[in-house]
Amino acid sequence: MTKSFEPTGQPTGSAEPVEPSHDRPVFAPPTDIYETEDAIMVVADMPDVDERSVVVNLENDVLSITGHAVGHAQTGYRLATVEYTPANYRRTFNVVAEIEEDGITATIKQGVLTVRLPKTGETAPRRIAVQAG
């Protein structure tokens, strides 16, 4: 099987911050990558990140995902204990497959980011017929 995608940097699901930030930790979001004949799907868990605070870029065959989590302020309540710290997320991947850049889509729903990267026709995997000699 040809490898079309390679994570870079911190391992998936790291419990420790990838790097320090001014006032928030930066985490590598746990990510699953799925591949079909015509596309690569990247699914990243980024709690409390919405469409206004996430950025997805593909440049020089590197896919980068960054997001800024927004905390939940409850109106009418006084904060008694704080265990949740909103974080920033950052993850990069080397993309080995040829991608149709105009067809890339990204959606986020309930903190789960899904990025679809359609492959160009030239790099979609295909089975090569072997003939007897």
N, C-alpha and C. Protein backbone atom coordinates (compact mmCIF):
# COMPACT_ATOMS: atom_id res chain seq x y z
N MET A 1 0.85 -1.18 0.00
CA MET A 1 0.00 0.00 0.00
C MET A 1 0.89 1.24 0.00
N THR A 2 0.58 2.19 -0.84
CA THR A 2 1.33 3.43 -0.92
C THR A 2 0.90 4.35 0.20
N LYS A 3 1.87 4.94 0.86
CA LYS A 3 1.56 5.86 1.95
C LYS A 3 1.30 7.24 1.35
N SER A 4 0.11 7.77 1.56
CA SER A 4 -0.27 9.06 0.99
C SER A 4 -0.17 10.19 1.99
N PHE A 5 -0.06 9.86 3.26
CA PHE A 5 -0.14 10.87 4.31
C PHE A 5 0.79 10.49 5.43
N GLU A 6 1.53 11.44 5.95
CA GLU A 6 2.43 11.17 7.06
C GLU A 6 2.32 12.27 8.09
N PRO A 7 2.04 11.94 9.37
CA PRO A 7 2.01 12.97 10.40
C PRO A 7 3.42 13.49 10.67
N THR A 8 3.50 14.74 11.06
CA THR A 8 4.78 15.32 11.44
C THR A 8 4.69 15.79 12.87
N GLY A 9 5.81 15.95 13.54
CA GLY A 9 5.81 16.51 14.88
C GLY A 9 5.34 15.55 15.95
N GLN A 10 4.61 16.08 16.92
CA GLN A 10 4.18 15.36 18.12
C GLN A 10 3.27 14.19 17.77
N PRO A 11 3.40 13.06 18.45
CA PRO A 11 2.52 11.92 18.20
C PRO A 11 1.05 12.24 18.46
N THR A 12 0.18 11.50 17.80
CA THR A 12 -1.25 11.68 17.97
C THR A 12 -1.66 11.43 19.40
N GLY A 13 -2.59 12.25 19.89
CA GLY A 13 -3.16 12.02 21.21
C GLY A 13 -2.25 12.37 22.35
N SER A 14 -1.28 13.21 22.12
CA SER A 14 -0.35 13.58 23.17
C SER A 14 -1.08 14.26 24.32
N ALA A 15 -0.79 13.84 25.53
CA ALA A 15 -1.41 14.46 26.69
C ALA A 15 -0.65 15.71 27.12
N GLU A 16 0.55 15.87 26.62
CA GLU A 16 1.37 17.03 26.97
C GLU A 16 1.27 18.07 25.86
N PRO A 17 1.37 19.34 26.21
CA PRO A 17 1.35 20.37 25.18
C PRO A 17 2.49 20.18 24.18
N VAL A 18 2.21 20.47 22.91
CA VAL A 18 3.22 20.39 21.87
C VAL A 18 4.26 21.48 22.08
N GLU A 19 3.80 22.66 22.42
CA GLU A 19 4.69 23.78 22.66
C GLU A 19 3.99 24.76 23.58
N PRO A 20 4.74 25.56 24.31
CA PRO A 20 4.10 26.54 25.19
C PRO A 20 3.50 27.68 24.37
N SER A 21 2.49 28.29 24.90
CA SER A 21 1.86 29.44 24.28
C SER A 21 1.87 30.56 25.31
N HIS A 22 1.50 31.76 24.88
CA HIS A 22 1.52 32.89 25.81
C HIS A 22 0.65 32.62 27.04
N ASP A 23 -0.58 32.20 26.82
CA ASP A 23 -1.46 31.97 27.95
C ASP A 23 -2.21 30.65 27.87
N ARG A 24 -1.96 29.86 26.85
CA ARG A 24 -2.66 28.60 26.67
C ARG A 24 -1.71 27.53 26.17
N PRO A 25 -1.96 26.30 26.54
CA PRO A 25 -1.16 25.21 25.97
C PRO A 25 -1.57 24.97 24.52
N VAL A 26 -0.65 24.42 23.73
CA VAL A 26 -0.94 24.05 22.34
C VAL A 26 -0.82 22.53 22.26
N PHE A 27 -1.92 21.88 21.86
CA PHE A 27 -1.97 20.42 21.80
C PHE A 27 -2.05 19.95 20.36
N ALA A 28 -1.54 18.74 20.12
CA ALA A 28 -1.74 18.05 18.85
C ALA A 28 -3.07 17.32 18.96
N PRO A 29 -4.09 17.70 18.16
CA PRO A 29 -5.39 17.03 18.31
C PRO A 29 -5.31 15.57 17.85
N PRO A 30 -5.96 14.66 18.58
CA PRO A 30 -6.03 13.27 18.12
C PRO A 30 -6.69 13.25 16.73
N THR A 31 -6.07 12.53 15.81
CA THR A 31 -6.50 12.58 14.41
C THR A 31 -6.56 11.19 13.81
N ASP A 32 -7.63 10.92 13.05
CA ASP A 32 -7.75 9.71 12.25
C ASP A 32 -7.67 10.11 10.79
N ILE A 33 -7.02 9.28 9.98
CA ILE A 33 -6.90 9.55 8.55
C ILE A 33 -7.44 8.35 7.80
N TYR A 34 -8.37 8.62 6.89
CA TYR A 34 -8.99 7.58 6.08
C TYR A 34 -8.63 7.84 4.62
N GLU A 35 -8.47 6.78 3.86
CA GLU A 35 -8.14 6.95 2.45
C GLU A 35 -9.04 6.06 1.60
N THR A 36 -9.57 6.66 0.53
CA THR A 36 -10.32 5.91 -0.47
C THR A 36 -9.56 6.04 -1.78
N GLU A 37 -10.11 5.46 -2.83
CA GLU A 37 -9.45 5.56 -4.13
C GLU A 37 -9.37 6.99 -4.63
N ASP A 38 -10.35 7.83 -4.23
CA ASP A 38 -10.38 9.18 -4.80
C ASP A 38 -10.16 10.31 -3.79
N ALA A 39 -9.97 10.00 -2.51
CA ALA A 39 -9.81 11.10 -1.54
C ALA A 39 -9.12 10.62 -0.27
N ILE A 40 -8.63 11.60 0.48
CA ILE A 40 -8.09 11.39 1.82
C ILE A 40 -8.97 12.19 2.76
N MET A 41 -9.39 11.58 3.86
CA MET A 41 -10.20 12.26 4.87
C MET A 41 -9.39 12.35 6.15
N VAL A 42 -9.30 13.56 6.69
CA VAL A 42 -8.61 13.80 7.95
C VAL A 42 -9.67 14.20 8.96
N VAL A 43 -9.76 13.48 10.08
CA VAL A 43 -10.76 13.76 11.11
C VAL A 43 -10.01 14.05 12.41
N ALA A 44 -10.12 15.29 12.90
CA ALA A 44 -9.39 15.73 14.09
C ALA A 44 -10.35 16.13 15.19
N ASP A 45 -10.07 15.69 16.40
CA ASP A 45 -10.89 16.00 17.58
C ASP A 45 -10.37 17.29 18.20
N MET A 46 -11.15 18.37 18.09
CA MET A 46 -10.75 19.68 18.58
C MET A 46 -11.88 20.29 19.40
N PRO A 47 -12.06 19.82 20.66
CA PRO A 47 -13.17 20.29 21.49
C PRO A 47 -13.21 21.81 21.62
N ASP A 48 -14.41 22.35 21.56
CA ASP A 48 -14.68 23.78 21.73
C ASP A 48 -14.10 24.67 20.63
N VAL A 49 -13.73 24.09 19.49
CA VAL A 49 -13.28 24.88 18.34
C VAL A 49 -14.45 24.98 17.38
N ASP A 50 -14.70 26.19 16.86
CA ASP A 50 -15.77 26.36 15.88
C ASP A 50 -15.18 26.87 14.57
N GLU A 51 -16.05 27.06 13.57
CA GLU A 51 -15.59 27.43 12.22
C GLU A 51 -14.87 28.78 12.18
N ARG A 52 -15.13 29.64 13.14
CA ARG A 52 -14.47 30.96 13.15
C ARG A 52 -13.06 30.90 13.72
N SER A 53 -12.74 29.84 14.44
CA SER A 53 -11.44 29.79 15.12
C SER A 53 -10.55 28.64 14.65
N VAL A 54 -10.85 28.07 13.48
CA VAL A 54 -10.02 27.00 12.93
C VAL A 54 -9.48 27.44 11.57
N VAL A 55 -8.23 27.07 11.29
CA VAL A 55 -7.59 27.40 10.02
C VAL A 55 -6.99 26.12 9.46
N VAL A 56 -7.29 25.85 8.18
CA VAL A 56 -6.75 24.69 7.48
C VAL A 56 -5.99 25.20 6.26
N ASN A 57 -4.72 24.84 6.13
CA ASN A 57 -3.90 25.26 5.00
C ASN A 57 -3.21 24.07 4.37
N LEU A 58 -3.05 24.12 3.05
CA LEU A 58 -2.22 23.16 2.33
C LEU A 58 -1.21 23.97 1.54
N GLU A 59 0.07 23.83 1.91
CA GLU A 59 1.12 24.59 1.24
C GLU A 59 2.37 23.73 1.15
N ASN A 60 2.93 23.64 -0.06
CA ASN A 60 4.14 22.84 -0.29
C ASN A 60 3.98 21.41 0.23
N ASP A 61 2.84 20.79 -0.06
CA ASP A 61 2.55 19.41 0.33
C ASP A 61 2.50 19.19 1.84
N VAL A 62 2.24 20.25 2.60
CA VAL A 62 2.07 20.13 4.04
C VAL A 62 0.69 20.66 4.41
N LEU A 63 -0.12 19.78 5.01
CA LEU A 63 -1.43 20.18 5.51
C LEU A 63 -1.26 20.62 6.95
N SER A 64 -1.69 21.83 7.27
CA SER A 64 -1.62 22.30 8.66
C SER A 64 -3.01 22.63 9.15
N ILE A 65 -3.26 22.25 10.39
CA ILE A 65 -4.54 22.49 11.04
C ILE A 65 -4.25 23.22 12.34
N THR A 66 -4.87 24.37 12.54
CA THR A 66 -4.74 25.09 13.80
C THR A 66 -6.13 25.50 14.27
N GLY A 67 -6.31 25.55 15.55
CA GLY A 67 -7.60 25.95 16.10
C GLY A 67 -7.44 26.55 17.48
N HIS A 68 -8.38 27.39 17.82
CA HIS A 68 -8.38 28.09 19.10
C HIS A 68 -9.70 27.75 19.81
N ALA A 69 -9.61 27.02 20.91
CA ALA A 69 -10.81 26.62 21.65
C ALA A 69 -11.37 27.80 22.42
N VAL A 70 -12.68 27.89 22.41
CA VAL A 70 -13.36 28.95 23.14
C VAL A 70 -13.99 28.33 24.38
N GLY A 71 -13.75 28.90 25.53
CA GLY A 71 -14.30 28.36 26.77
C GLY A 71 -15.80 28.61 26.86
N HIS A 72 -16.45 27.90 27.75
CA HIS A 72 -17.89 28.04 27.96
C HIS A 72 -18.13 28.88 29.21
N ALA A 73 -18.59 30.09 29.02
CA ALA A 73 -18.94 30.94 30.17
C ALA A 73 -20.43 30.76 30.44
N GLN A 74 -20.77 30.34 31.63
CA GLN A 74 -22.16 30.14 32.01
C GLN A 74 -22.69 31.42 32.65
N THR A 75 -23.68 32.02 32.04
CA THR A 75 -24.25 33.24 32.60
C THR A 75 -25.14 32.89 33.79
N GLY A 76 -25.10 33.75 34.78
CA GLY A 76 -25.92 33.56 35.96
C GLY A 76 -25.29 32.66 37.01
N TYR A 77 -24.07 32.19 36.76
CA TYR A 77 -23.39 31.32 37.71
C TYR A 77 -22.05 31.93 38.11
N ARG A 78 -21.63 31.62 39.32
CA ARG A 78 -20.30 32.02 39.79
C ARG A 78 -19.41 30.79 39.67
N LEU A 79 -18.24 30.96 39.09
CA LEU A 79 -17.31 29.85 38.90
C LEU A 79 -16.75 29.40 40.24
N ALA A 80 -16.96 28.14 40.59
CA ALA A 80 -16.51 27.61 41.88
C ALA A 80 -15.21 26.82 41.73
N THR A 81 -15.07 26.04 40.67
CA THR A 81 -13.89 25.23 40.43
C THR A 81 -13.58 25.24 38.95
N VAL A 82 -12.30 25.31 38.61
CA VAL A 82 -11.90 25.29 37.20
C VAL A 82 -10.97 24.11 36.97
N GLU A 83 -11.40 23.15 36.14
CA GLU A 83 -10.53 22.04 35.75
C GLU A 83 -10.29 22.04 34.25
N TYR A 84 -11.17 22.69 33.51
CA TYR A 84 -11.05 22.73 32.05
C TYR A 84 -10.27 23.97 31.64
N THR A 85 -9.23 23.77 30.84
CA THR A 85 -8.46 24.88 30.30
C THR A 85 -8.61 24.88 28.80
N PRO A 86 -9.24 25.91 28.23
CA PRO A 86 -9.31 25.97 26.77
C PRO A 86 -7.89 25.98 26.20
N ALA A 87 -7.72 25.31 25.09
CA ALA A 87 -6.38 25.17 24.51
C ALA A 87 -6.37 25.59 23.05
N ASN A 88 -5.18 25.71 22.54
CA ASN A 88 -4.98 25.88 21.11
C ASN A 88 -4.55 24.52 20.57
N TYR A 89 -4.85 24.28 19.30
CA TYR A 89 -4.49 23.02 18.66
C TYR A 89 -3.66 23.31 17.42
N ARG A 90 -2.67 22.44 17.18
CA ARG A 90 -1.88 22.57 15.96
C ARG A 90 -1.39 21.19 15.57
N ARG A 91 -1.53 20.89 14.28
CA ARG A 91 -1.08 19.59 13.76
C ARG A 91 -0.70 19.77 12.30
N THR A 92 0.37 19.11 11.87
CA THR A 92 0.78 19.17 10.47
C THR A 92 0.99 17.76 9.94
N PHE A 93 0.77 17.62 8.63
CA PHE A 93 0.92 16.34 7.96
C PHE A 93 1.59 16.56 6.61
N ASN A 94 2.50 15.67 6.24
CA ASN A 94 3.06 15.68 4.89
C ASN A 94 2.09 14.93 3.98
N VAL A 95 1.71 15.55 2.89
CA VAL A 95 0.79 14.94 1.93
C VAL A 95 1.63 14.42 0.77
N VAL A 96 1.64 13.11 0.58
CA VAL A 96 2.45 12.51 -0.47
C VAL A 96 1.65 12.39 -1.77
N ALA A 97 0.34 12.20 -1.68
CA ALA A 97 -0.52 12.07 -2.87
C ALA A 97 -0.72 13.43 -3.53
N GLU A 98 -0.98 13.40 -4.84
CA GLU A 98 -1.33 14.63 -5.57
C GLU A 98 -2.77 14.98 -5.22
N ILE A 99 -2.99 16.21 -4.79
CA ILE A 99 -4.31 16.64 -4.32
C ILE A 99 -4.88 17.70 -5.25
N GLU A 100 -6.17 17.59 -5.52
CA GLU A 100 -6.90 18.60 -6.30
C GLU A 100 -7.25 19.74 -5.33
N GLU A 101 -6.40 20.75 -5.28
CA GLU A 101 -6.50 21.78 -4.25
C GLU A 101 -7.82 22.54 -4.27
N ASP A 102 -8.40 22.76 -5.45
CA ASP A 102 -9.66 23.49 -5.53
C ASP A 102 -10.83 22.70 -4.96
N GLY A 103 -10.67 21.40 -4.79
CA GLY A 103 -11.76 20.57 -4.29
C GLY A 103 -11.70 20.27 -2.80
N ILE A 104 -10.71 20.81 -2.09
CA ILE A 104 -10.57 20.55 -0.66
C ILE A 104 -11.74 21.18 0.09
N THR A 105 -12.33 20.41 1.01
CA THR A 105 -13.41 20.94 1.86
C THR A 105 -13.08 20.66 3.32
N ALA A 106 -13.59 21.52 4.19
CA ALA A 106 -13.41 21.33 5.63
C ALA A 106 -14.69 21.71 6.34
N THR A 107 -15.12 20.86 7.27
CA THR A 107 -16.30 21.15 8.08
C THR A 107 -15.97 20.83 9.53
N ILE A 108 -16.63 21.53 10.43
CA ILE A 108 -16.46 21.23 11.85
C ILE A 108 -17.84 21.14 12.48
N LYS A 109 -18.05 20.08 13.25
CA LYS A 109 -19.33 19.87 13.92
C LYS A 109 -19.05 19.31 15.31
N GLN A 110 -19.52 20.01 16.32
CA GLN A 110 -19.36 19.60 17.71
C GLN A 110 -17.90 19.28 18.04
N GLY A 111 -16.99 20.13 17.56
CA GLY A 111 -15.58 19.97 17.88
C GLY A 111 -14.83 18.92 17.09
N VAL A 112 -15.46 18.35 16.07
CA VAL A 112 -14.78 17.37 15.22
C VAL A 112 -14.60 17.98 13.83
N LEU A 113 -13.33 18.18 13.46
CA LEU A 113 -12.99 18.76 12.16
C LEU A 113 -12.80 17.64 11.15
N THR A 114 -13.45 17.76 9.99
CA THR A 114 -13.29 16.80 8.91
C THR A 114 -12.79 17.55 7.68
N VAL A 115 -11.62 17.15 7.18
CA VAL A 115 -11.04 17.75 5.99
C VAL A 115 -11.01 16.68 4.91
N ARG A 116 -11.59 16.99 3.74
CA ARG A 116 -11.59 16.05 2.61
C ARG A 116 -10.65 16.60 1.55
N LEU A 117 -9.65 15.81 1.19
CA LEU A 117 -8.67 16.19 0.18
C LEU A 117 -8.84 15.25 -1.02
N PRO A 118 -9.49 15.71 -2.10
CA PRO A 118 -9.68 14.84 -3.26
C PRO A 118 -8.36 14.64 -4.00
N LYS A 119 -8.11 13.41 -4.41
CA LYS A 119 -6.90 13.11 -5.17
C LYS A 119 -7.12 13.46 -6.64
N THR A 120 -6.05 13.81 -7.32
CA THR A 120 -6.15 14.00 -8.77
C THR A 120 -6.20 12.62 -9.40
N GLY A 121 -6.68 12.55 -10.62
CA GLY A 121 -6.81 11.27 -11.30
C GLY A 121 -5.51 10.52 -11.45
N GLU A 122 -4.38 11.25 -11.57
CA GLU A 122 -3.11 10.58 -11.82
C GLU A 122 -2.64 9.75 -10.63
N THR A 123 -3.00 10.12 -9.42
CA THR A 123 -2.45 9.43 -8.26
C THR A 123 -3.44 8.51 -7.56
N ALA A 124 -4.66 8.46 -8.04
CA ALA A 124 -5.61 7.56 -7.39
C ALA A 124 -5.09 6.13 -7.55
N PRO A 125 -5.06 5.35 -6.47
CA PRO A 125 -4.52 3.99 -6.58
C PRO A 125 -5.33 3.15 -7.54
N ARG A 126 -4.64 2.30 -8.26
CA ARG A 126 -5.34 1.39 -9.17
C ARG A 126 -4.60 0.07 -9.16
N ARG A 127 -5.33 -0.97 -9.47
CA ARG A 127 -4.73 -2.30 -9.51
C ARG A 127 -4.13 -2.52 -10.90
N ILE A 128 -2.93 -3.04 -10.91
CA ILE A 128 -2.24 -3.32 -12.17
C ILE A 128 -2.44 -4.79 -12.50
N ALA A 129 -2.98 -5.03 -13.69
CA ALA A 129 -3.20 -6.41 -14.13
C ALA A 129 -1.86 -7.06 -14.46
N VAL A 130 -1.67 -8.28 -13.99
CA VAL A 130 -0.45 -9.03 -14.27
C VAL A 130 -0.81 -10.14 -15.25
N GLN A 131 -0.04 -10.19 -16.33
CA GLN A 131 -0.31 -11.19 -17.37
C GLN A 131 0.77 -12.27 -17.35
N ALA A 132 0.37 -13.46 -17.72
CA ALA A 132 1.33 -14.56 -17.80
C ALA A 132 2.26 -14.32 -18.98
N GLY A 133 3.54 -14.64 -18.83
CA GLY A 133 4.55 -14.37 -19.86
C GLY A 133 4.69 -15.51 -20.75
